[in-house]
Amino acid sequence: MVVFDPDAAALLEAAKAAGVRPLSEVGVEGARARMESVPPAPAPEMAEVADRAFEGPHGTVPVRVYRPRPEPGGPAIVYFHGGGMIMGTLDSFDGLARNLAAACDAVVVSVEYRLAPEHQYPVATDEAYTAVLWAHDNAADLGIDPARIAVAGDSAGGSLAAGATLRARAEGGPPIAVQMLFYPGLERASDRPSMVEFADGPILTRADVVWMKNQYLGPDESADTEYGVPALARDLSGLPDAIVVSAEADPLRDAVEDYGQRLRNAGVPTALLRYPGVCHGFLSQAAHIRRARIAFTEIGALARAKFEELT
């Protein structure tokens, strides 16, 4: 039985009182409208925030560059937002990007990849990997250290980050300093205990996972690849050091923690952090959940230590 964090419990009660319905019931447009309607919460100030873009294999990809301090030459994080591959924008994940930049003392390049169902696999997966290439190739222009570029993502974005590291290994891509995976969606819905226990949520349901995965990957599981479904990767050796974050009351929890343990077993230095009493997506609520702020402090300390090793 989960004992919910008091801050998380208050948010859940507010959502219940407002009659918030599962994403799979409101549909793509309803899910997008809900996410974009959330008022922006207070978040750390940056020395500079600039909108840029790069040309990817499927067209122009907008990015937003968050610079926590003006001095050039520091580390960077290429960040992919969550939203089940069907929703989310640079604006709706502005707060998380700012908190990540401030906690890690690193430039954050937030990527607005194309969304499903209009753009199915491999579009977002291609754009995620191309974003890593672009950041490395344009490090001087971005004022970042090309030897200290990490990838990060929450939920669906965590899957994109994990897929990008697998592809960089396979294709001899640029070095990735660390992969930061925040409750990533690494596999399709399963019968793992957490998926059964939290099949009806809160926040994310099993039906939501099935529905959103199908929007991007399509219903034919035989067509899945390790870049789109990273849990399918048989060999995790030689991947970048990892920071893997799970939430106790999350249907994805067991799949996330299994991937973190597999990384460890493959010899990849991996910090596996479970946060008690919170739900899927809790890092987006840092303004309201103290435990999310603690998580950012701990994630930031680990990331800074990883970056320091590379100086």
C-alpha atoms as a PDB file:
ATOM      1  CA  MET A   1       0.000   0.000   0.000  1.00  0.00           C
ATOM      2  CA  VAL A   2       1.502   3.319  -1.098  1.00  0.00           C
ATOM      3  CA  VAL A   3       1.618   6.115   1.443  1.00  0.00           C
ATOM      4  CA  PHE A   4       1.408   9.192  -0.759  1.00  0.00           C
ATOM      5  CA  ASP A   5       3.628  12.173  -0.245  1.00  0.00           C
ATOM      6  CA  PRO A   6       1.421  14.928   1.258  1.00  0.00           C
ATOM      7  CA  ASP A   7       2.118  17.364  -1.578  1.00  0.00           C
ATOM      8  CA  ALA A   8       1.407  14.713  -4.209  1.00  0.00           C
ATOM      9  CA  ALA A   9      -1.759  13.661  -2.357  1.00  0.00           C
ATOM     10  CA  ALA A  10      -3.052  17.232  -2.426  1.00  0.00           C
ATOM     11  CA  LEU A  11      -2.557  17.447  -6.181  1.00  0.00           C
ATOM     12  CA  LEU A  12      -4.282  14.101  -6.681  1.00  0.00           C
ATOM     13  CA  GLU A  13      -7.260  15.239  -4.630  1.00  0.00           C
ATOM     14  CA  ALA A  14      -7.491  18.426  -6.675  1.00  0.00           C
ATOM     15  CA  ALA A  15      -7.424  16.418  -9.920  1.00  0.00           C
ATOM     16  CA  LYS A  16     -10.107  14.083  -8.595  1.00  0.00           C
ATOM     17  CA  ALA A  17     -12.301  16.996  -7.570  1.00  0.00           C
ATOM     18  CA  ALA A  18     -11.875  18.523 -11.031  1.00  0.00           C
ATOM     19  CA  GLY A  19     -12.987  15.274 -12.668  1.00  0.00           C
ATOM     20  CA  VAL A  20      -9.786  14.756 -14.639  1.00  0.00           C
ATOM     21  CA  ARG A  21     -10.286  11.788 -16.967  1.00  0.00           C
ATOM     22  CA  PRO A  22      -7.646   9.336 -18.278  1.00  0.00           C
ATOM     23  CA  LEU A  23      -5.758  10.474 -21.364  1.00  0.00           C
ATOM     24  CA  SER A  24      -6.976   7.520 -23.403  1.00  0.00           C
ATOM     25  CA  GLU A  25     -10.545   8.715 -22.827  1.00  0.00           C
ATOM     26  CA  VAL A  26     -10.081  12.373 -23.762  1.00  0.00           C
ATOM     27  CA  GLY A  27      -8.163  11.635 -26.992  1.00  0.00           C
ATOM     28  CA  VAL A  28      -5.164  13.284 -28.611  1.00  0.00           C
ATOM     29  CA  GLU A  29      -6.565  16.789 -28.918  1.00  0.00           C
ATOM     30  CA  GLY A  30      -8.055  16.683 -25.439  1.00  0.00           C
ATOM     31  CA  ALA A  31      -4.756  15.504 -23.965  1.00  0.00           C
ATOM     32  CA  ARG A  32      -2.845  18.237 -25.758  1.00  0.00           C
ATOM     33  CA  ALA A  33      -5.292  20.931 -24.693  1.00  0.00           C
ATOM     34  CA  ARG A  34      -5.102  19.788 -21.078  1.00  0.00           C
ATOM     35  CA  MET A  35      -1.310  19.867 -21.012  1.00  0.00           C
ATOM     36  CA  GLU A  36      -1.002  23.254 -22.679  1.00  0.00           C
ATOM     37  CA  SER A  37      -3.658  24.790 -20.406  1.00  0.00           C
ATOM     38  CA  VAL A  38      -1.625  24.235 -17.231  1.00  0.00           C
ATOM     39  CA  PRO A  39      -0.478  27.674 -15.973  1.00  0.00           C
ATOM     40  CA  PRO A  40       3.297  28.072 -15.815  1.00  0.00           C
ATOM     41  CA  ALA A  41       4.698  27.648 -12.312  1.00  0.00           C
ATOM     42  CA  PRO A  42       7.637  29.504 -10.798  1.00  0.00           C
ATOM     43  CA  ALA A  43      10.950  28.119 -12.030  1.00  0.00           C
ATOM     44  CA  PRO A  44      14.619  29.172 -11.848  1.00  0.00           C
ATOM     45  CA  GLU A  45      15.745  32.243 -13.750  1.00  0.00           C
ATOM     46  CA  MET A  46      18.349  31.716 -16.463  1.00  0.00           C
ATOM     47  CA  ALA A  47      21.181  33.909 -17.665  1.00  0.00           C
ATOM     48  CA  GLU A  48      19.804  33.410 -21.180  1.00  0.00           C
ATOM     49  CA  VAL A  49      16.993  31.555 -22.920  1.00  0.00           C
ATOM     50  CA  ALA A  50      17.128  31.450 -26.710  1.00  0.00           C
ATOM     51  CA  ASP A  51      15.035  29.712 -29.350  1.00  0.00           C
ATOM     52  CA  ARG A  52      16.989  27.990 -32.101  1.00  0.00           C
ATOM     53  CA  ALA A  53      16.338  25.276 -34.697  1.00  0.00           C
ATOM     54  CA  PHE A  54      18.152  22.627 -36.695  1.00  0.00           C
ATOM     55  CA  GLU A  55      17.389  20.753 -39.880  1.00  0.00           C
ATOM     56  CA  GLY A  56      16.554  17.135 -39.212  1.00  0.00           C
ATOM     57  CA  PRO A  57      15.713  14.251 -41.550  1.00  0.00           C
ATOM     58  CA  HIS A  58      12.016  15.124 -41.365  1.00  0.00           C
ATOM     59  CA  GLY A  59      12.231  18.918 -41.447  1.00  0.00           C
ATOM     60  CA  THR A  60      13.082  21.815 -39.158  1.00  0.00           C
ATOM     61  CA  VAL A  61      13.158  21.018 -35.430  1.00  0.00           C
ATOM     62  CA  PRO A  62      12.755  23.860 -32.910  1.00  0.00           C
ATOM     63  CA  VAL A  63      14.912  23.829 -29.784  1.00  0.00           C
ATOM     64  CA  ARG A  64      15.140  26.120 -26.770  1.00  0.00           C
ATOM     65  CA  VAL A  65      18.533  26.697 -25.176  1.00  0.00           C
ATOM     66  CA  TYR A  66      18.633  27.409 -21.434  1.00  0.00           C
ATOM     67  CA  ARG A  67      21.868  28.890 -20.121  1.00  0.00           C
ATOM     68  CA  PRO A  68      22.045  29.015 -16.298  1.00  0.00           C
ATOM     69  CA  ARG A  69      25.230  31.082 -16.323  1.00  0.00           C
ATOM     70  CA  PRO A  70      26.786  33.319 -19.001  1.00  0.00           C
ATOM     71  CA  GLU A  71      30.255  31.716 -19.063  1.00  0.00           C
ATOM     72  CA  PRO A  72      30.787  29.459 -22.113  1.00  0.00           C
ATOM     73  CA  GLY A  73      32.461  26.079 -22.231  1.00  0.00           C
ATOM     74  CA  GLY A  74      30.378  24.227 -19.664  1.00  0.00           C
ATOM     75  CA  PRO A  75      28.486  20.948 -19.926  1.00  0.00           C
ATOM     76  CA  ALA A  76      25.186  20.541 -21.728  1.00  0.00           C
ATOM     77  CA  ILE A  77      22.128  18.305 -21.652  1.00  0.00           C
ATOM     78  CA  VAL A  78      20.048  17.514 -24.726  1.00  0.00           C
ATOM     79  CA  TYR A  79      16.579  17.118 -23.207  1.00  0.00           C
ATOM     80  CA  PHE A  80      13.474  15.414 -24.613  1.00  0.00           C
ATOM     81  CA  HIS A  81      10.155  16.234 -22.964  1.00  0.00           C
ATOM     82  CA  GLY A  82       7.493  13.770 -21.925  1.00  0.00           C
ATOM     83  CA  GLY A  83       3.920  13.461 -23.104  1.00  0.00           C
ATOM     84  CA  GLY A  84       3.552   9.915 -24.380  1.00  0.00           C
ATOM     85  CA  MET A  85       4.851  10.926 -27.828  1.00  0.00           C
ATOM     86  CA  ILE A  86       1.490  12.612 -28.524  1.00  0.00           C
ATOM     87  CA  MET A  87       1.688  15.886 -26.599  1.00  0.00           C
ATOM     88  CA  GLY A  88       4.053  18.384 -25.055  1.00  0.00           C
ATOM     89  CA  THR A  89       5.851  21.484 -26.311  1.00  0.00           C
ATOM     90  CA  LEU A  90       8.805  23.657 -25.427  1.00  0.00           C
ATOM     91  CA  ASP A  91       6.386  25.829 -23.449  1.00  0.00           C
ATOM     92  CA  SER A  92       4.652  23.124 -21.427  1.00  0.00           C
ATOM     93  CA  PHE A  93       8.008  21.670 -20.319  1.00  0.00           C
ATOM     94  CA  ASP A  94       9.736  25.014 -19.816  1.00  0.00           C
ATOM     95  CA  GLY A  95       9.698  24.618 -16.037  1.00  0.00           C
ATOM     96  CA  LEU A  96      11.248  21.157 -16.052  1.00  0.00           C
ATOM     97  CA  ALA A  97      13.968  22.316 -18.447  1.00  0.00           C
ATOM     98  CA  ARG A  98      14.781  25.269 -16.193  1.00  0.00           C
ATOM     99  CA  ASN A  99      14.922  23.111 -13.079  1.00  0.00           C
ATOM    100  CA  LEU A 100      17.190  20.642 -14.869  1.00  0.00           C
ATOM    101  CA  ALA A 101      19.559  23.391 -16.050  1.00  0.00           C
ATOM    102  CA  ALA A 102      19.753  24.962 -12.608  1.00  0.00           C
ATOM    103  CA  ALA A 103      20.197  21.663 -10.737  1.00  0.00           C
ATOM    104  CA  CYS A 104      22.915  20.348 -13.060  1.00  0.00           C
ATOM    105  CA  ASP A 105      24.571  23.733 -13.708  1.00  0.00           C
ATOM    106  CA  ALA A 106      24.475  22.851 -17.396  1.00  0.00           C
ATOM    107  CA  VAL A 107      23.114  24.324 -20.601  1.00  0.00           C
ATOM    108  CA  VAL A 108      19.897  22.526 -21.518  1.00  0.00           C
ATOM    109  CA  VAL A 109      18.888  22.115 -25.157  1.00  0.00           C
ATOM    110  CA  SER A 110      15.175  21.277 -25.076  1.00  0.00           C
ATOM    111  CA  VAL A 111      13.966  19.607 -28.270  1.00  0.00           C
ATOM    112  CA  GLU A 112      10.468  19.984 -29.742  1.00  0.00           C
ATOM    113  CA  TYR A 113      10.316  16.740 -31.714  1.00  0.00           C
ATOM    114  CA  ARG A 114       7.354  15.921 -33.928  1.00  0.00           C
ATOM    115  CA  LEU A 115       4.391  14.208 -32.296  1.00  0.00           C
ATOM    116  CA  ALA A 116       2.259  11.185 -33.057  1.00  0.00           C
ATOM    117  CA  PRO A 117      -0.129  10.183 -34.451  1.00  0.00           C
ATOM    118  CA  GLU A 118       0.648  12.670 -37.230  1.00  0.00           C
ATOM    119  CA  HIS A 119       4.275  11.531 -37.159  1.00  0.00           C
ATOM    120  CA  GLN A 120       4.832   7.902 -36.216  1.00  0.00           C
ATOM    121  CA  TYR A 121       8.019   5.919 -35.591  1.00  0.00           C
ATOM    122  CA  PRO A 122      10.799   6.584 -36.475  1.00  0.00           C
ATOM    123  CA  VAL A 123      10.242  10.354 -36.790  1.00  0.00           C
ATOM    124  CA  ALA A 124      10.732  11.476 -33.172  1.00  0.00           C
ATOM    125  CA  THR A 125      13.406   8.825 -32.663  1.00  0.00           C
ATOM    126  CA  ASP A 126      15.343  10.154 -35.668  1.00  0.00           C
ATOM    127  CA  GLU A 127      14.955  13.736 -34.500  1.00  0.00           C
ATOM    128  CA  ALA A 128      16.197  12.884 -31.014  1.00  0.00           C
ATOM    129  CA  TYR A 129      19.391  11.334 -32.316  1.00  0.00           C
ATOM    130  CA  THR A 130      19.896  14.160 -34.820  1.00  0.00           C
ATOM    131  CA  ALA A 131      19.553  16.652 -31.954  1.00  0.00           C
ATOM    132  CA  VAL A 132      22.483  14.978 -30.198  1.00  0.00           C
ATOM    133  CA  LEU A 133      24.554  15.139 -33.390  1.00  0.00           C
ATOM    134  CA  TRP A 134      23.611  18.795 -33.894  1.00  0.00           C
ATOM    135  CA  ALA A 135      24.556  19.788 -30.352  1.00  0.00           C
ATOM    136  CA  HIS A 136      27.933  18.083 -30.706  1.00  0.00           C
ATOM    137  CA  ASP A 137      28.644  19.533 -34.146  1.00  0.00           C
ATOM    138  CA  ASN A 138      27.618  23.039 -33.045  1.00  0.00           C
ATOM    139  CA  ALA A 139      29.197  22.991 -29.599  1.00  0.00           C
ATOM    140  CA  ALA A 140      31.355  26.049 -30.265  1.00  0.00           C
ATOM    141  CA  ASP A 141      28.391  28.086 -31.459  1.00  0.00           C
ATOM    142  CA  LEU A 142      26.311  26.919 -28.485  1.00  0.00           C
ATOM    143  CA  GLY A 143      29.145  27.687 -26.059  1.00  0.00           C
ATOM    144  CA  ILE A 144      29.279  24.156 -24.634  1.00  0.00           C
ATOM    145  CA  ASP A 145      31.944  21.515 -24.116  1.00  0.00           C
ATOM    146  CA  PRO A 146      31.517  18.783 -26.778  1.00  0.00           C
ATOM    147  CA  ALA A 147      33.090  16.223 -24.435  1.00  0.00           C
ATOM    148  CA  ARG A 148      30.444  16.879 -21.771  1.00  0.00           C
ATOM    149  CA  ILE A 149      27.098  16.524 -23.530  1.00  0.00           C
ATOM    150  CA  ALA A 150      24.478  14.405 -21.775  1.00  0.00           C
ATOM    151  CA  VAL A 151      21.025  13.285 -22.835  1.00  0.00           C
ATOM    152  CA  ALA A 152      17.959  13.411 -20.619  1.00  0.00           C
ATOM    153  CA  GLY A 153      14.260  12.807 -20.900  1.00  0.00           C
ATOM    154  CA  ASP A 154      11.173  12.234 -18.801  1.00  0.00           C
ATOM    155  CA  SER A 155       8.540   9.607 -19.595  1.00  0.00           C
ATOM    156  CA  ALA A 156       8.343   9.298 -23.404  1.00  0.00           C
ATOM    157  CA  GLY A 157      11.330  11.629 -23.612  1.00  0.00           C
ATOM    158  CA  GLY A 158      13.274   9.199 -21.465  1.00  0.00           C
ATOM    159  CA  SER A 159      12.617   6.530 -24.070  1.00  0.00           C
ATOM    160  CA  LEU A 160      13.974   8.881 -26.738  1.00  0.00           C
ATOM    161  CA  ALA A 161      17.070   9.569 -24.650  1.00  0.00           C
ATOM    162  CA  ALA A 162      17.693   5.849 -24.094  1.00  0.00           C
ATOM    163  CA  GLY A 163      17.169   5.139 -27.792  1.00  0.00           C
ATOM    164  CA  ALA A 164      19.614   7.906 -28.730  1.00  0.00           C
ATOM    165  CA  THR A 165      22.336   6.349 -26.569  1.00  0.00           C
ATOM    166  CA  LEU A 166      21.756   2.936 -28.148  1.00  0.00           C
ATOM    167  CA  ARG A 167      21.964   4.448 -31.616  1.00  0.00           C
ATOM    168  CA  ALA A 168      25.082   6.464 -30.801  1.00  0.00           C
ATOM    169  CA  ARG A 169      26.780   3.252 -29.671  1.00  0.00           C
ATOM    170  CA  ALA A 170      25.708   1.346 -32.784  1.00  0.00           C
ATOM    171  CA  GLU A 171      26.623   4.088 -35.266  1.00  0.00           C
ATOM    172  CA  GLY A 172      29.804   5.360 -33.632  1.00  0.00           C
ATOM    173  CA  GLY A 173      28.111   8.640 -32.789  1.00  0.00           C
ATOM    174  CA  PRO A 174      29.433  11.390 -30.535  1.00  0.00           C
ATOM    175  CA  PRO A 175      30.353  10.570 -26.931  1.00  0.00           C
ATOM    176  CA  ILE A 176      27.481  10.976 -24.472  1.00  0.00           C
ATOM    177  CA  ALA A 177      28.583  11.966 -20.986  1.00  0.00           C
ATOM    178  CA  VAL A 178      25.611  10.509 -19.127  1.00  0.00           C
ATOM    179  CA  GLN A 179      22.062   9.343 -19.861  1.00  0.00           C
ATOM    180  CA  MET A 180      19.460  10.721 -17.475  1.00  0.00           C
ATOM    181  CA  LEU A 181      16.235   8.739 -17.663  1.00  0.00           C
ATOM    182  CA  PHE A 182      13.321  10.032 -15.584  1.00  0.00           C
ATOM    183  CA  TYR A 183      10.536   7.402 -15.293  1.00  0.00           C
ATOM    184  CA  PRO A 184      11.077   6.546 -18.973  1.00  0.00           C
ATOM    185  CA  GLY A 185       8.576   4.632 -21.102  1.00  0.00           C
ATOM    186  CA  LEU A 186      10.960   1.909 -22.207  1.00  0.00           C
ATOM    187  CA  GLU A 187       8.516  -0.825 -23.187  1.00  0.00           C
ATOM    188  CA  ARG A 188       4.904  -1.449 -24.096  1.00  0.00           C
ATOM    189  CA  ALA A 189       2.414  -2.200 -21.339  1.00  0.00           C
ATOM    190  CA  SER A 190       3.223  -5.453 -19.554  1.00  0.00           C
ATOM    191  CA  ASP A 191       2.067  -7.610 -16.670  1.00  0.00           C
ATOM    192  CA  ARG A 192       4.795  -6.400 -14.318  1.00  0.00           C
ATOM    193  CA  PRO A 193       3.537  -5.976 -10.741  1.00  0.00           C
ATOM    194  CA  SER A 194       3.582  -2.169 -10.853  1.00  0.00           C
ATOM    195  CA  MET A 195       1.630  -2.174 -14.114  1.00  0.00           C
ATOM    196  CA  VAL A 196      -1.000  -4.370 -12.448  1.00  0.00           C
ATOM    197  CA  GLU A 197      -1.062  -2.465  -9.141  1.00  0.00           C
ATOM    198  CA  PHE A 198      -1.375   0.952 -10.784  1.00  0.00           C
ATOM    199  CA  ALA A 199      -3.375  -0.127 -13.844  1.00  0.00           C
ATOM    200  CA  ASP A 200      -5.946   2.546 -12.978  1.00  0.00           C
ATOM    201  CA  GLY A 201      -3.429   5.231 -12.121  1.00  0.00           C
ATOM    202  CA  PRO A 202      -3.106   7.666 -10.497  1.00  0.00           C
ATOM    203  CA  ILE A 203      -2.010  10.060 -13.260  1.00  0.00           C
ATOM    204  CA  LEU A 204      -1.113   7.369 -15.808  1.00  0.00           C
ATOM    205  CA  THR A 205      -3.165   4.223 -16.462  1.00  0.00           C
ATOM    206  CA  ARG A 206      -2.322   0.990 -18.212  1.00  0.00           C
ATOM    207  CA  ALA A 207      -4.851   1.889 -20.910  1.00  0.00           C
ATOM    208  CA  ASP A 208      -3.052   5.201 -21.406  1.00  0.00           C
ATOM    209  CA  VAL A 209       0.263   3.377 -21.932  1.00  0.00           C
ATOM    210  CA  VAL A 210      -1.254   0.989 -24.493  1.00  0.00           C
ATOM    211  CA  TRP A 211      -3.037   3.788 -26.321  1.00  0.00           C
ATOM    212  CA  MET A 212      -0.090   6.195 -26.483  1.00  0.00           C
ATOM    213  CA  LYS A 213       2.417   3.526 -27.498  1.00  0.00           C
ATOM    214  CA  ASN A 214       0.109   2.529 -30.340  1.00  0.00           C
ATOM    215  CA  GLN A 215      -0.142   6.152 -31.492  1.00  0.00           C
ATOM    216  CA  TYR A 216       3.611   6.293 -32.088  1.00  0.00           C
ATOM    217  CA  LEU A 217       4.741   2.722 -32.652  1.00  0.00           C
ATOM    218  CA  GLY A 218       1.574   1.325 -34.231  1.00  0.00           C
ATOM    219  CA  PRO A 219      -0.187  -1.817 -32.996  1.00  0.00           C
ATOM    220  CA  ASP A 220       2.212  -4.330 -34.611  1.00  0.00           C
ATOM    221  CA  GLU A 221       4.706  -5.216 -31.893  1.00  0.00           C
ATOM    222  CA  SER A 222       6.703  -7.397 -34.276  1.00  0.00           C
ATOM    223  CA  ALA A 223       7.869  -4.209 -36.014  1.00  0.00           C
ATOM    224  CA  ASP A 224       9.366  -2.711 -32.826  1.00  0.00           C
ATOM    225  CA  THR A 225      13.081  -1.938 -32.652  1.00  0.00           C
ATOM    226  CA  GLU A 226      15.371  -1.208 -29.718  1.00  0.00           C
ATOM    227  CA  TYR A 227      15.576   2.443 -30.731  1.00  0.00           C
ATOM    228  CA  GLY A 228      11.815   2.854 -30.361  1.00  0.00           C
ATOM    229  CA  VAL A 229      11.437   0.337 -27.515  1.00  0.00           C
ATOM    230  CA  PRO A 230      14.785   0.402 -25.674  1.00  0.00           C
ATOM    231  CA  ALA A 231      13.877  -2.483 -23.358  1.00  0.00           C
ATOM    232  CA  LEU A 232      14.225  -4.753 -26.395  1.00  0.00           C
ATOM    233  CA  ALA A 233      17.985  -4.120 -26.515  1.00  0.00           C
ATOM    234  CA  ARG A 234      19.725  -7.377 -25.631  1.00  0.00           C
ATOM    235  CA  ASP A 235      23.128  -5.870 -24.908  1.00  0.00           C
ATOM    236  CA  LEU A 236      23.442  -2.743 -22.748  1.00  0.00           C
ATOM    237  CA  SER A 237      27.217  -2.864 -22.328  1.00  0.00           C
ATOM    238  CA  GLY A 238      29.307   0.087 -23.413  1.00  0.00           C
ATOM    239  CA  LEU A 239      26.498   2.596 -22.907  1.00  0.00           C
ATOM    240  CA  PRO A 240      26.995   5.931 -21.111  1.00  0.00           C
ATOM    241  CA  ASP A 241      26.819   6.162 -17.328  1.00  0.00           C
ATOM    242  CA  ALA A 242      23.200   6.442 -16.244  1.00  0.00           C
ATOM    243  CA  ILE A 243      20.953   8.214 -13.756  1.00  0.00           C
ATOM    244  CA  VAL A 244      17.637   6.351 -13.696  1.00  0.00           C
ATOM    245  CA  VAL A 245      14.713   7.783 -11.731  1.00  0.00           C
ATOM    246  CA  SER A 246      11.520   5.933 -10.841  1.00  0.00           C
ATOM    247  CA  ALA A 247       8.358   6.926  -8.957  1.00  0.00           C
ATOM    248  CA  GLU A 248       6.822   4.533  -6.453  1.00  0.00           C
ATOM    249  CA  ALA A 249       3.200   4.936  -7.589  1.00  0.00           C
ATOM    250  CA  ASP A 250       3.841   4.601 -11.316  1.00  0.00           C
ATOM    251  CA  PRO A 251       2.745   1.727 -13.557  1.00  0.00           C
ATOM    252  CA  LEU A 252       6.102   2.086 -15.377  1.00  0.00           C
ATOM    253  CA  ARG A 253       8.126   1.712 -12.162  1.00  0.00           C
ATOM    254  CA  ASP A 254       9.171  -1.925 -12.470  1.00  0.00           C
ATOM    255  CA  ALA A 255      10.155  -1.642 -16.128  1.00  0.00           C
ATOM    256  CA  VAL A 256      12.235   1.449 -15.329  1.00  0.00           C
ATOM    257  CA  GLU A 257      14.010  -0.234 -12.429  1.00  0.00           C
ATOM    258  CA  ASP A 258      14.577  -3.424 -14.407  1.00  0.00           C
ATOM    259  CA  TYR A 259      16.320  -1.399 -17.130  1.00  0.00           C
ATOM    260  CA  GLY A 260      18.460   0.334 -14.517  1.00  0.00           C
ATOM    261  CA  GLN A 261      19.451  -3.014 -13.037  1.00  0.00           C
ATOM    262  CA  ARG A 262      20.229  -4.392 -16.487  1.00  0.00           C
ATOM    263  CA  LEU A 263      22.524  -1.410 -17.083  1.00  0.00           C
ATOM    264  CA  ARG A 264      24.314  -2.192 -13.833  1.00  0.00           C
ATOM    265  CA  ASN A 265      24.608  -5.863 -14.731  1.00  0.00           C
ATOM    266  CA  ALA A 266      26.124  -4.857 -18.082  1.00  0.00           C
ATOM    267  CA  GLY A 267      28.854  -2.912 -16.284  1.00  0.00           C
ATOM    268  CA  VAL A 268      27.373   0.565 -16.830  1.00  0.00           C
ATOM    269  CA  PRO A 269      27.782   2.794 -13.733  1.00  0.00           C
ATOM    270  CA  THR A 270      24.152   3.490 -12.855  1.00  0.00           C
ATOM    271  CA  ALA A 271      22.478   5.476 -10.093  1.00  0.00           C
ATOM    272  CA  LEU A 272      19.001   3.999  -9.621  1.00  0.00           C
ATOM    273  CA  LEU A 273      16.776   6.354  -7.623  1.00  0.00           C
ATOM    274  CA  ARG A 274      13.228   5.509  -6.531  1.00  0.00           C
ATOM    275  CA  TYR A 275      11.195   8.356  -5.009  1.00  0.00           C
ATOM    276  CA  PRO A 276       8.520   7.211  -2.558  1.00  0.00           C
ATOM    277  CA  GLY A 277       4.936   8.421  -2.421  1.00  0.00           C
ATOM    278  CA  VAL A 278       4.944  10.153  -5.806  1.00  0.00           C
ATOM    279  CA  CYS A 279       3.452   9.404  -9.213  1.00  0.00           C
ATOM    280  CA  HIS A 280       4.475   9.395 -12.838  1.00  0.00           C
ATOM    281  CA  GLY A 281       5.450  12.882 -13.976  1.00  0.00           C
ATOM    282  CA  PHE A 282       6.276  14.218 -10.521  1.00  0.00           C
ATOM    283  CA  LEU A 283       9.327  16.197 -11.668  1.00  0.00           C
ATOM    284  CA  SER A 284       7.007  18.474 -13.647  1.00  0.00           C
ATOM    285  CA  GLN A 285       5.438  19.489 -10.323  1.00  0.00           C
ATOM    286  CA  ALA A 286       8.582  20.770  -8.632  1.00  0.00           C
ATOM    287  CA  ALA A 287       6.870  24.035  -7.725  1.00  0.00           C
ATOM    288  CA  HIS A 288       4.254  22.104  -5.739  1.00  0.00           C
ATOM    289  CA  ILE A 289       5.966  18.887  -4.574  1.00  0.00           C
ATOM    290  CA  ARG A 290       8.911  19.241  -2.206  1.00  0.00           C
ATOM    291  CA  ARG A 291      10.067  15.710  -2.974  1.00  0.00           C
ATOM    292  CA  ALA A 292      10.460  16.704  -6.625  1.00  0.00           C
ATOM    293  CA  ARG A 293      12.719  19.560  -5.573  1.00  0.00           C
ATOM    294  CA  ILE A 294      14.762  17.131  -3.488  1.00  0.00           C
ATOM    295  CA  ALA A 295      14.983  14.847  -6.517  1.00  0.00           C
ATOM    296  CA  PHE A 296      16.342  17.662  -8.669  1.00  0.00           C
ATOM    297  CA  THR A 297      18.961  18.418  -6.000  1.00  0.00           C
ATOM    298  CA  GLU A 298      20.088  14.787  -5.964  1.00  0.00           C
ATOM    299  CA  ILE A 299      19.981  14.385  -9.756  1.00  0.00           C
ATOM    300  CA  GLY A 300      21.952  17.604 -10.126  1.00  0.00           C
ATOM    301  CA  ALA A 301      24.636  16.505  -7.675  1.00  0.00           C
ATOM    302  CA  LEU A 302      25.108  13.225  -9.526  1.00  0.00           C
ATOM    303  CA  ALA A 303      25.187  14.914 -12.941  1.00  0.00           C
ATOM    304  CA  ARG A 304      27.690  17.543 -11.814  1.00  0.00           C
ATOM    305  CA  ALA A 305      29.932  14.798 -10.441  1.00  0.00           C
ATOM    306  CA  LYS A 306      29.753  12.965 -13.784  1.00  0.00           C
ATOM    307  CA  PHE A 307      30.609  16.164 -15.663  1.00  0.00           C
ATOM    308  CA  GLU A 308      33.471  16.911 -13.261  1.00  0.00           C
ATOM    309  CA  GLU A 309      35.037  13.543 -14.027  1.00  0.00           C
ATOM    310  CA  LEU A 310      35.335  14.595 -17.672  1.00  0.00           C
ATOM    311  CA  THR A 311      37.116  17.909 -17.111  1.00  0.00           C
END
